[in-house]
């Protein structure tokens, strides 16, 4: 008896069943401090096709560089209404968008300051584990000092940069390429 290959098991696409009520696309609270920015883009597979059922979760510090988490014991202001957490799903064209504030710098390895960044976890069909990456701000002067960016090949750093959309103030574009040429840098955790 010959045993043939069976299809692999995938996760989803069930995100909309359980997680729609947990979507949070606007992290920038009214009256909150910091520069409001909208980050938008697309999630693409290795063939350049849109991923229509990806879920993007973000976690970031506030404009002062403090996380809304008990383990962040820095002596910096904590904004009680800024949670620093969001979740958005891609649409049929693989597009997503969220509005937040540009985060402040936070301590990194050895106490060195990291450039402002947003931590990202992505879920989608075919993945048993989430993808983990970061969004940096292309116009940020402190990117050259960031200990995480400095670990990467300089040619690959651009995959983590959100760039200003021409003619649209405070709107940045950051696209995710899941595999192949121009693949976004993903981190092991």
N, C-alpha and C. Protein backbone atom coordinates (compact mmCIF):
# COMPACT_ATOMS: atom_id res chain seq x y z
N UNK A 1 0.85 -1.17 0.00
CA UNK A 1 0.00 0.00 0.00
C UNK A 1 0.89 1.23 0.00
N UNK A 2 0.63 2.13 -0.90
CA UNK A 2 1.39 3.38 -1.01
C UNK A 2 0.68 4.47 -0.21
N UNK A 3 1.47 5.19 0.53
CA UNK A 3 0.89 6.31 1.30
C UNK A 3 1.25 7.61 0.61
N UNK A 4 0.26 8.33 0.20
CA UNK A 4 0.48 9.60 -0.48
C UNK A 4 0.61 10.75 0.51
N UNK A 5 1.05 11.86 0.01
CA UNK A 5 1.17 13.05 0.83
C UNK A 5 -0.21 13.60 1.16
N UNK A 6 -0.34 14.09 2.36
CA UNK A 6 -1.60 14.74 2.75
C UNK A 6 -1.34 16.24 2.83
N UNK A 7 -2.37 17.05 2.60
CA UNK A 7 -2.17 18.50 2.68
C UNK A 7 -1.82 18.91 4.10
N UNK A 8 -1.00 19.94 4.20
CA UNK A 8 -0.63 20.44 5.53
C UNK A 8 -1.81 21.17 6.15
N UNK A 9 -1.82 21.21 7.45
CA UNK A 9 -2.87 21.93 8.17
C UNK A 9 -2.51 23.41 8.21
N UNK A 10 -3.49 24.25 8.11
CA UNK A 10 -3.25 25.68 8.17
C UNK A 10 -4.07 26.31 9.28
N UNK A 11 -3.70 27.50 9.62
CA UNK A 11 -4.43 28.27 10.61
C UNK A 11 -5.37 29.20 9.86
N UNK A 12 -6.63 29.18 10.21
CA UNK A 12 -7.58 30.11 9.61
C UNK A 12 -8.06 29.69 8.26
N UNK A 13 -8.72 30.55 7.53
CA UNK A 13 -8.93 31.97 7.81
C UNK A 13 -10.14 32.21 8.72
N UNK A 14 -9.93 32.11 10.01
CA UNK A 14 -11.01 32.23 10.98
C UNK A 14 -10.93 33.49 11.82
N UNK A 15 -10.03 34.39 11.49
CA UNK A 15 -9.83 35.56 12.33
C UNK A 15 -11.10 36.37 12.51
N UNK A 16 -11.88 36.50 11.45
CA UNK A 16 -13.06 37.36 11.54
C UNK A 16 -14.12 36.79 12.47
N UNK A 17 -14.12 35.49 12.69
CA UNK A 17 -15.13 34.89 13.56
C UNK A 17 -14.93 35.33 15.01
N UNK A 18 -13.71 35.28 15.48
CA UNK A 18 -13.47 35.51 16.90
C UNK A 18 -12.87 36.87 17.24
N UNK A 19 -12.27 37.54 16.29
CA UNK A 19 -11.47 38.69 16.65
C UNK A 19 -11.99 40.04 16.17
N UNK A 20 -13.08 40.08 15.42
CA UNK A 20 -13.57 41.36 14.91
C UNK A 20 -13.85 42.35 16.03
N UNK A 21 -14.43 41.90 17.13
CA UNK A 21 -14.73 42.83 18.20
C UNK A 21 -13.47 43.27 18.94
N UNK A 22 -12.36 42.64 18.70
CA UNK A 22 -11.11 43.02 19.34
C UNK A 22 -10.22 43.88 18.44
N UNK A 23 -10.76 44.35 17.31
CA UNK A 23 -10.00 45.21 16.41
C UNK A 23 -9.85 46.58 17.04
N UNK A 24 -8.65 47.11 16.94
CA UNK A 24 -8.37 48.45 17.47
C UNK A 24 -7.40 49.11 16.49
N UNK A 25 -7.93 50.00 15.67
CA UNK A 25 -7.11 50.63 14.63
C UNK A 25 -6.68 52.05 14.97
N UNK A 26 -7.29 52.65 15.98
CA UNK A 26 -6.94 54.02 16.36
C UNK A 26 -6.41 54.02 17.79
N UNK A 27 -5.09 54.13 17.91
CA UNK A 27 -4.45 54.13 19.22
C UNK A 27 -4.26 55.54 19.74
N UNK A 28 -4.36 56.53 18.86
CA UNK A 28 -4.10 57.93 19.22
C UNK A 28 -5.33 58.53 19.89
N UNK A 29 -5.32 58.59 21.20
CA UNK A 29 -6.47 59.09 21.94
C UNK A 29 -6.60 60.60 21.81
N UNK A 30 -7.83 61.07 21.92
CA UNK A 30 -8.07 62.52 21.88
C UNK A 30 -7.35 63.17 23.05
N UNK A 31 -6.63 64.22 22.78
CA UNK A 31 -5.90 64.93 23.82
C UNK A 31 -4.60 64.28 24.23
N UNK A 32 -4.27 63.16 23.61
CA UNK A 32 -3.01 62.49 23.93
C UNK A 32 -1.82 63.26 23.38
N UNK A 33 -0.67 62.99 23.96
CA UNK A 33 0.55 63.69 23.53
C UNK A 33 1.21 62.96 22.37
N UNK A 34 2.00 63.70 21.62
CA UNK A 34 2.79 63.11 20.54
C UNK A 34 2.25 63.43 19.16
N UNK A 35 3.07 63.10 18.18
CA UNK A 35 2.74 63.33 16.78
C UNK A 35 1.87 62.20 16.25
N UNK A 36 0.64 62.54 15.86
CA UNK A 36 -0.27 61.55 15.28
C UNK A 36 0.23 61.15 13.90
N UNK A 37 0.24 59.84 13.63
CA UNK A 37 0.60 59.31 12.32
C UNK A 37 -0.36 58.20 11.94
N UNK A 38 -0.62 58.10 10.65
CA UNK A 38 -1.36 56.97 10.11
C UNK A 38 -0.38 56.12 9.34
N UNK A 39 -0.36 54.85 9.65
CA UNK A 39 0.50 53.91 8.93
C UNK A 39 -0.41 52.98 8.16
N UNK A 40 -0.16 52.93 6.85
CA UNK A 40 -0.98 52.11 5.97
C UNK A 40 -0.08 51.33 5.04
N UNK A 41 -0.61 50.28 4.47
CA UNK A 41 0.18 49.49 3.53
C UNK A 41 -0.57 48.26 3.11
N UNK A 42 0.22 47.32 2.55
CA UNK A 42 -0.33 46.06 2.07
C UNK A 42 0.52 44.91 2.57
N UNK A 43 -0.11 43.77 2.72
CA UNK A 43 0.60 42.53 3.02
C UNK A 43 0.54 41.70 1.75
N UNK A 44 1.72 41.29 1.27
CA UNK A 44 1.83 40.57 0.00
C UNK A 44 2.53 39.23 0.22
N UNK A 45 2.12 38.22 -0.54
CA UNK A 45 2.80 36.93 -0.45
C UNK A 45 4.04 36.95 -1.34
N UNK A 46 4.71 35.84 -1.45
CA UNK A 46 5.95 35.76 -2.21
C UNK A 46 5.80 36.01 -3.70
N UNK A 47 4.57 35.88 -4.22
CA UNK A 47 4.30 36.15 -5.63
C UNK A 47 3.79 37.56 -5.86
N UNK A 48 3.78 38.38 -4.81
CA UNK A 48 3.29 39.74 -4.94
C UNK A 48 1.77 39.86 -4.89
N UNK A 49 1.09 38.79 -4.52
CA UNK A 49 -0.37 38.80 -4.43
C UNK A 49 -0.80 39.23 -3.03
N UNK A 50 -1.92 39.94 -2.92
CA UNK A 50 -2.37 40.39 -1.60
C UNK A 50 -2.76 39.24 -0.70
N UNK A 51 -2.46 39.39 0.57
CA UNK A 51 -2.89 38.43 1.60
C UNK A 51 -4.14 39.05 2.23
N UNK A 52 -5.28 38.45 1.93
CA UNK A 52 -6.56 39.06 2.30
C UNK A 52 -7.03 38.72 3.71
N UNK A 53 -6.32 37.86 4.40
CA UNK A 53 -6.79 37.46 5.73
C UNK A 53 -5.69 37.52 6.78
N UNK A 54 -4.78 38.47 6.64
CA UNK A 54 -3.73 38.64 7.64
C UNK A 54 -4.26 39.48 8.79
N UNK A 55 -3.70 39.26 9.94
CA UNK A 55 -4.04 40.03 11.13
C UNK A 55 -2.74 40.63 11.65
N UNK A 56 -2.72 41.94 11.82
CA UNK A 56 -1.51 42.64 12.26
C UNK A 56 -1.77 43.19 13.66
N UNK A 57 -0.93 42.79 14.61
CA UNK A 57 -1.00 43.32 15.96
C UNK A 57 0.22 44.18 16.21
N UNK A 58 0.02 45.31 16.86
CA UNK A 58 1.13 46.21 17.17
C UNK A 58 1.20 46.47 18.66
N UNK A 59 2.41 46.75 19.12
CA UNK A 59 2.67 47.09 20.52
C UNK A 59 3.75 48.14 20.50
N UNK A 60 3.55 49.24 21.19
CA UNK A 60 4.51 50.33 21.14
C UNK A 60 4.52 51.15 22.42
N UNK A 61 5.57 51.91 22.58
CA UNK A 61 5.67 52.87 23.68
C UNK A 61 4.89 54.13 23.32
N UNK A 62 4.61 54.95 24.33
CA UNK A 62 3.94 56.22 24.06
C UNK A 62 4.96 57.24 23.54
N UNK A 63 4.54 58.46 23.35
CA UNK A 63 5.41 59.50 22.78
C UNK A 63 6.61 59.81 23.68
N UNK A 64 6.53 59.46 24.96
CA UNK A 64 7.63 59.70 25.90
C UNK A 64 8.62 58.53 25.94
N UNK A 65 8.28 57.42 25.27
CA UNK A 65 9.14 56.24 25.31
C UNK A 65 8.84 55.33 26.48
N UNK A 66 7.59 55.29 26.93
CA UNK A 66 7.20 54.41 28.04
C UNK A 66 6.07 53.50 27.59
N UNK A 67 6.24 52.20 27.86
CA UNK A 67 5.20 51.23 27.56
C UNK A 67 4.13 51.23 28.64
N UNK A 68 2.90 51.01 28.27
CA UNK A 68 1.81 50.90 29.23
C UNK A 68 1.78 49.49 29.80
N UNK A 69 2.84 49.11 30.49
CA UNK A 69 2.98 47.76 31.03
C UNK A 69 3.67 47.84 32.38
N UNK A 70 3.26 47.04 33.35
CA UNK A 70 3.86 47.13 34.69
C UNK A 70 5.36 46.88 34.73
N UNK A 71 5.90 46.15 33.76
CA UNK A 71 7.34 45.87 33.76
C UNK A 71 8.17 47.06 33.26
N UNK A 72 7.54 48.07 32.68
CA UNK A 72 8.27 49.26 32.26
C UNK A 72 8.31 50.20 33.47
N UNK A 73 9.44 50.21 34.15
CA UNK A 73 9.58 50.98 35.38
C UNK A 73 10.36 52.29 35.16
N UNK A 74 10.49 52.71 33.90
CA UNK A 74 11.18 53.97 33.61
C UNK A 74 10.45 55.14 34.26
N UNK A 75 11.22 56.13 34.65
CA UNK A 75 10.63 57.34 35.24
C UNK A 75 10.26 58.31 34.10
N UNK A 76 9.21 57.92 33.38
CA UNK A 76 8.70 58.72 32.27
C UNK A 76 7.19 58.79 32.41
N UNK A 77 6.56 59.83 31.84
CA UNK A 77 5.11 59.95 31.96
C UNK A 77 4.37 58.78 31.31
N UNK A 78 3.34 58.33 31.98
CA UNK A 78 2.47 57.28 31.46
C UNK A 78 1.10 57.89 31.20
N UNK A 79 0.64 57.77 29.97
CA UNK A 79 -0.67 58.30 29.61
C UNK A 79 -1.70 57.21 29.82
N UNK A 80 -2.59 57.40 30.76
CA UNK A 80 -3.52 56.33 31.14
C UNK A 80 -4.44 55.91 30.00
N UNK A 81 -4.74 56.79 29.06
CA UNK A 81 -5.63 56.44 27.96
C UNK A 81 -4.90 55.87 26.75
N UNK A 82 -3.57 55.87 26.77
CA UNK A 82 -2.83 55.33 25.63
C UNK A 82 -2.39 53.91 25.99
N UNK A 83 -3.03 52.92 25.38
CA UNK A 83 -2.71 51.53 25.67
C UNK A 83 -1.47 51.04 24.94
N UNK A 84 -1.20 51.62 23.77
CA UNK A 84 -0.03 51.22 22.99
C UNK A 84 -0.19 49.88 22.29
N UNK A 85 -1.42 49.44 22.14
CA UNK A 85 -1.70 48.15 21.52
C UNK A 85 -2.82 48.29 20.51
N UNK A 86 -2.66 47.62 19.35
CA UNK A 86 -3.71 47.65 18.34
C UNK A 86 -3.73 46.38 17.53
N UNK A 87 -4.82 46.18 16.82
CA UNK A 87 -4.97 45.01 15.95
C UNK A 87 -5.84 45.41 14.76
N UNK A 88 -5.34 45.13 13.57
CA UNK A 88 -6.11 45.38 12.35
C UNK A 88 -6.00 44.17 11.42
N UNK A 89 -7.02 43.97 10.63
CA UNK A 89 -7.04 42.90 9.64
C UNK A 89 -6.87 43.51 8.25
N UNK A 90 -6.31 42.74 7.34
CA UNK A 90 -6.21 43.20 5.96
C UNK A 90 -7.54 42.97 5.25
N UNK A 91 -7.77 43.77 4.22
CA UNK A 91 -8.99 43.60 3.43
C UNK A 91 -8.70 42.70 2.23
N UNK A 92 -9.62 42.60 1.30
CA UNK A 92 -9.47 41.73 0.13
C UNK A 92 -8.26 42.08 -0.72
N UNK A 93 -7.80 43.32 -0.65
CA UNK A 93 -6.62 43.75 -1.41
C UNK A 93 -5.34 43.68 -0.59
N UNK A 94 -5.42 43.09 0.60
CA UNK A 94 -4.25 42.98 1.47
C UNK A 94 -3.91 44.28 2.18
N UNK A 95 -4.82 45.26 2.17
CA UNK A 95 -4.55 46.59 2.73
C UNK A 95 -4.93 46.65 4.21
N UNK A 96 -4.19 47.47 4.93
CA UNK A 96 -4.49 47.72 6.34
C UNK A 96 -4.16 49.18 6.63
N UNK A 97 -4.62 49.66 7.78
CA UNK A 97 -4.31 51.03 8.21
C UNK A 97 -4.55 51.14 9.70
N UNK A 98 -3.69 51.87 10.38
CA UNK A 98 -3.95 52.23 11.76
C UNK A 98 -3.38 53.61 12.05
N UNK A 99 -3.96 54.28 13.04
CA UNK A 99 -3.53 55.61 13.44
C UNK A 99 -3.00 55.52 14.87
N UNK A 100 -1.86 56.13 15.10
CA UNK A 100 -1.22 56.07 16.40
C UNK A 100 -0.40 57.33 16.62
N UNK A 101 0.48 57.30 17.59
CA UNK A 101 1.45 58.39 17.77
C UNK A 101 2.84 57.82 17.54
N UNK A 102 3.72 58.67 17.07
CA UNK A 102 5.11 58.24 16.90
C UNK A 102 5.67 57.98 18.30
N UNK A 103 6.17 56.76 18.54
CA UNK A 103 6.66 56.44 19.88
C UNK A 103 7.99 57.13 20.18
N UNK A 104 8.25 57.30 21.47
CA UNK A 104 9.54 57.82 21.90
C UNK A 104 10.57 56.70 21.93
N UNK A 105 11.79 57.08 22.22
CA UNK A 105 12.89 56.10 22.27
C UNK A 105 12.82 55.32 23.58
N UNK A 106 13.11 54.03 23.49
CA UNK A 106 13.11 53.15 24.67
C UNK A 106 14.48 52.52 24.82
N UNK A 107 14.83 52.10 26.05
CA UNK A 107 16.13 51.44 26.24
C UNK A 107 16.19 50.10 25.51
N UNK A 108 17.36 49.79 25.02
CA UNK A 108 17.59 48.52 24.34
C UNK A 108 18.68 47.74 25.05
N UNK A 109 19.32 46.82 24.34
CA UNK A 109 20.39 46.02 24.93
C UNK A 109 21.49 46.90 25.53
N UNK A 110 21.90 46.58 26.74
CA UNK A 110 22.96 47.34 27.40
C UNK A 110 22.55 48.75 27.78
N UNK A 111 21.26 49.05 27.76
CA UNK A 111 20.79 50.39 28.13
C UNK A 111 20.88 51.41 27.02
N UNK A 112 21.38 51.03 25.84
CA UNK A 112 21.44 51.98 24.72
C UNK A 112 20.03 52.29 24.25
N UNK A 113 19.81 53.49 23.78
CA UNK A 113 18.48 53.87 23.31
C UNK A 113 18.22 53.33 21.91
N UNK A 114 17.02 52.82 21.72
CA UNK A 114 16.59 52.37 20.41
C UNK A 114 15.89 53.52 19.70
N UNK A 115 15.92 53.49 18.38
CA UNK A 115 15.17 54.47 17.60
C UNK A 115 13.67 54.21 17.80
N UNK A 116 12.83 55.24 17.62
CA UNK A 116 11.39 55.01 17.71
C UNK A 116 10.97 53.88 16.77
N UNK A 117 10.19 52.96 17.28
CA UNK A 117 9.73 51.82 16.48
C UNK A 117 8.43 51.27 17.05
N UNK A 118 7.78 50.48 16.23
CA UNK A 118 6.55 49.79 16.62
C UNK A 118 6.80 48.30 16.44
N UNK A 119 6.52 47.51 17.46
CA UNK A 119 6.65 46.06 17.39
C UNK A 119 5.43 45.48 16.69
N UNK A 120 5.65 44.49 15.82
CA UNK A 120 4.58 43.94 15.00
C UNK A 120 4.57 42.41 15.11
N UNK A 121 3.39 41.84 15.28
CA UNK A 121 3.18 40.40 15.16
C UNK A 121 2.11 40.19 14.09
N UNK A 122 2.35 39.26 13.18
CA UNK A 122 1.39 39.00 12.09
C UNK A 122 0.96 37.55 12.09
N UNK A 123 -0.32 37.36 11.87
CA UNK A 123 -0.90 36.03 11.76
C UNK A 123 -1.58 35.94 10.41
N UNK A 124 -1.56 34.76 9.80
CA UNK A 124 -2.26 34.55 8.53
C UNK A 124 -2.35 33.06 8.24
N UNK A 125 -3.17 32.72 7.27
CA UNK A 125 -3.34 31.32 6.92
C UNK A 125 -1.99 30.73 6.52
N UNK A 126 -1.81 29.47 6.83
CA UNK A 126 -0.58 28.79 6.46
C UNK A 126 0.54 28.95 7.47
N UNK A 127 0.35 29.78 8.47
CA UNK A 127 1.38 29.97 9.50
C UNK A 127 0.94 29.31 10.79
N UNK A 128 1.81 28.52 11.36
CA UNK A 128 1.52 27.96 12.67
C UNK A 128 2.07 28.85 13.76
N UNK A 129 3.05 29.66 13.43
CA UNK A 129 3.62 30.64 14.36
C UNK A 129 3.50 32.02 13.74
N UNK A 130 3.34 33.01 14.56
CA UNK A 130 3.26 34.39 14.07
C UNK A 130 4.59 34.85 13.52
N UNK A 131 4.54 35.83 12.65
CA UNK A 131 5.74 36.51 12.17
C UNK A 131 5.95 37.73 13.05
N UNK A 132 7.19 38.00 13.42
CA UNK A 132 7.50 39.12 14.30
C UNK A 132 8.47 40.05 13.59
N UNK A 133 8.15 41.33 13.59
CA UNK A 133 9.01 42.32 12.93
C UNK A 133 8.83 43.66 13.63
N UNK A 134 9.35 44.70 13.02
CA UNK A 134 9.23 46.06 13.56
C UNK A 134 8.98 47.04 12.43
N UNK A 135 8.37 48.16 12.81
CA UNK A 135 8.24 49.30 11.91
C UNK A 135 9.10 50.42 12.47
N UNK A 136 10.00 50.94 11.65
CA UNK A 136 10.79 52.12 11.99
C UNK A 136 10.33 53.27 11.11
N UNK A 137 10.75 54.47 11.43
CA UNK A 137 10.35 55.67 10.70
C UNK A 137 11.52 56.12 9.84
N UNK A 138 11.35 56.10 8.52
CA UNK A 138 12.44 56.36 7.58
C UNK A 138 13.12 57.71 7.82
N UNK A 139 12.38 58.71 8.26
CA UNK A 139 12.95 60.05 8.42
C UNK A 139 13.60 60.26 9.80
N UNK A 140 13.65 59.23 10.63
CA UNK A 140 14.16 59.35 11.99
C UNK A 140 15.70 59.38 12.02
N UNK A 141 16.26 60.45 12.59
CA UNK A 141 17.72 60.60 12.65
C UNK A 141 18.40 59.55 13.52
N UNK A 142 17.72 59.02 14.52
CA UNK A 142 18.37 58.08 15.44
C UNK A 142 18.40 56.63 14.91
N UNK A 143 17.89 56.38 13.70
CA UNK A 143 17.92 55.02 13.16
C UNK A 143 19.35 54.47 13.09
N UNK A 144 20.30 55.30 12.78
CA UNK A 144 21.70 54.86 12.68
C UNK A 144 22.29 54.40 13.99
N UNK A 145 21.67 54.79 15.11
CA UNK A 145 22.15 54.40 16.44
C UNK A 145 21.41 53.19 16.99
N UNK A 146 20.39 52.72 16.31
CA UNK A 146 19.55 51.66 16.86
C UNK A 146 20.30 50.33 16.88
N UNK A 147 20.41 49.68 18.06
CA UNK A 147 21.17 48.44 18.16
C UNK A 147 20.55 47.28 17.38
N UNK A 148 19.23 47.25 17.21
CA UNK A 148 18.60 46.17 16.44
C UNK A 148 18.82 46.39 14.95
N UNK A 149 18.58 47.60 14.47
CA UNK A 149 18.83 47.88 13.05
C UNK A 149 20.28 47.63 12.67
N UNK A 150 21.19 47.94 13.57
CA UNK A 150 22.61 47.75 13.27
C UNK A 150 23.02 46.28 13.18
N UNK A 151 22.17 45.37 13.61
CA UNK A 151 22.44 43.94 13.46
C UNK A 151 22.12 43.45 12.05
N UNK A 152 21.35 44.24 11.31
CA UNK A 152 20.88 43.82 9.99
C UNK A 152 21.81 44.28 8.89
N UNK A 153 21.80 43.53 7.79
CA UNK A 153 22.49 43.94 6.57
C UNK A 153 21.90 45.28 6.15
N UNK A 154 22.74 46.30 5.90
CA UNK A 154 22.21 47.63 5.53
C UNK A 154 21.22 47.60 4.36
N UNK A 155 21.38 46.68 3.43
CA UNK A 155 20.47 46.61 2.29
C UNK A 155 19.08 46.09 2.67
N UNK A 156 18.97 45.40 3.80
CA UNK A 156 17.69 44.83 4.23
C UNK A 156 16.92 45.75 5.18
N UNK A 157 17.57 46.75 5.72
CA UNK A 157 16.92 47.64 6.70
C UNK A 157 15.72 48.37 6.13
N UNK A 158 15.75 48.65 4.84
CA UNK A 158 14.66 49.41 4.23
C UNK A 158 13.32 48.67 4.32
N UNK A 159 13.34 47.34 4.50
CA UNK A 159 12.09 46.59 4.59
C UNK A 159 11.34 46.88 5.90
N UNK A 160 12.02 47.54 6.84
CA UNK A 160 11.40 47.88 8.12
C UNK A 160 11.00 49.36 8.21
N UNK A 161 11.25 50.12 7.16
CA UNK A 161 11.03 51.56 7.20
C UNK A 161 9.67 51.98 6.65
N UNK A 162 8.93 52.72 7.45
CA UNK A 162 7.69 53.35 7.00
C UNK A 162 8.07 54.71 6.43
N UNK A 163 7.67 54.96 5.20
CA UNK A 163 8.03 56.19 4.50
C UNK A 163 6.82 57.08 4.28
N UNK A 164 7.06 58.37 4.26
CA UNK A 164 5.99 59.34 4.08
C UNK A 164 5.35 59.18 2.70
N UNK A 165 4.03 59.23 2.68
CA UNK A 165 3.27 59.17 1.43
C UNK A 165 3.27 60.58 0.84
N UNK A 166 3.69 60.70 -0.39
CA UNK A 166 3.81 62.00 -1.04
C UNK A 166 2.49 62.75 -1.00
N UNK A 167 2.56 64.00 -0.55
CA UNK A 167 1.39 64.87 -0.53
C UNK A 167 0.41 64.62 0.60
N UNK A 168 0.74 63.72 1.51
CA UNK A 168 -0.18 63.42 2.62
C UNK A 168 0.57 63.55 3.94
N UNK A 169 0.33 64.63 4.64
CA UNK A 169 1.02 64.92 5.90
C UNK A 169 0.68 63.86 6.95
N UNK A 170 1.72 63.36 7.61
CA UNK A 170 1.60 62.37 8.70
C UNK A 170 0.97 61.05 8.27
N UNK A 171 1.06 60.71 6.99
CA UNK A 171 0.62 59.40 6.50
C UNK A 171 1.85 58.67 5.99
N UNK A 172 2.10 57.49 6.54
CA UNK A 172 3.27 56.71 6.20
C UNK A 172 2.84 55.39 5.57
N UNK A 173 3.69 54.87 4.68
CA UNK A 173 3.41 53.59 4.05
C UNK A 173 4.45 52.58 4.47
N UNK A 174 3.98 51.39 4.85
CA UNK A 174 4.86 50.27 5.19
C UNK A 174 4.21 49.00 4.68
N UNK A 175 4.84 48.38 3.69
CA UNK A 175 4.32 47.16 3.10
C UNK A 175 5.09 45.97 3.64
N UNK A 176 4.41 44.85 3.75
CA UNK A 176 5.01 43.61 4.21
C UNK A 176 5.06 42.64 3.05
N UNK A 177 6.24 42.11 2.77
CA UNK A 177 6.40 41.06 1.76
C UNK A 177 6.78 39.80 2.54
N UNK A 178 5.93 38.78 2.45
CA UNK A 178 6.07 37.60 3.32
C UNK A 178 7.20 36.67 2.93
N UNK A 179 7.61 36.65 1.68
CA UNK A 179 8.72 35.79 1.26
C UNK A 179 9.23 36.24 -0.09
N UNK A 180 10.34 35.67 -0.51
CA UNK A 180 10.89 35.96 -1.82
C UNK A 180 11.74 37.23 -1.84
N UNK A 181 11.89 37.77 -3.04
CA UNK A 181 12.68 38.98 -3.22
C UNK A 181 12.04 40.13 -2.45
N UNK A 182 12.86 40.93 -1.81
CA UNK A 182 12.40 42.06 -0.98
C UNK A 182 11.59 41.62 0.25
N UNK A 183 11.80 40.38 0.70
CA UNK A 183 11.11 39.90 1.89
C UNK A 183 11.38 40.82 3.07
N UNK A 184 10.34 41.13 3.81
CA UNK A 184 10.47 41.91 5.04
C UNK A 184 11.33 41.15 6.03
N UNK A 185 12.16 41.85 6.79
CA UNK A 185 12.96 41.21 7.84
C UNK A 185 12.02 40.77 8.95
N UNK A 186 12.10 39.49 9.29
CA UNK A 186 11.35 38.94 10.42
C UNK A 186 12.34 38.47 11.47
N UNK A 187 11.95 38.56 12.72
CA UNK A 187 12.83 38.20 13.84
C UNK A 187 12.37 36.91 14.49
N UNK A 188 13.33 36.15 15.02
CA UNK A 188 12.98 34.98 15.81
C UNK A 188 12.72 35.47 17.23
N UNK A 189 11.86 34.80 17.90
CA UNK A 189 11.55 35.19 19.28
C UNK A 189 11.66 34.00 20.18
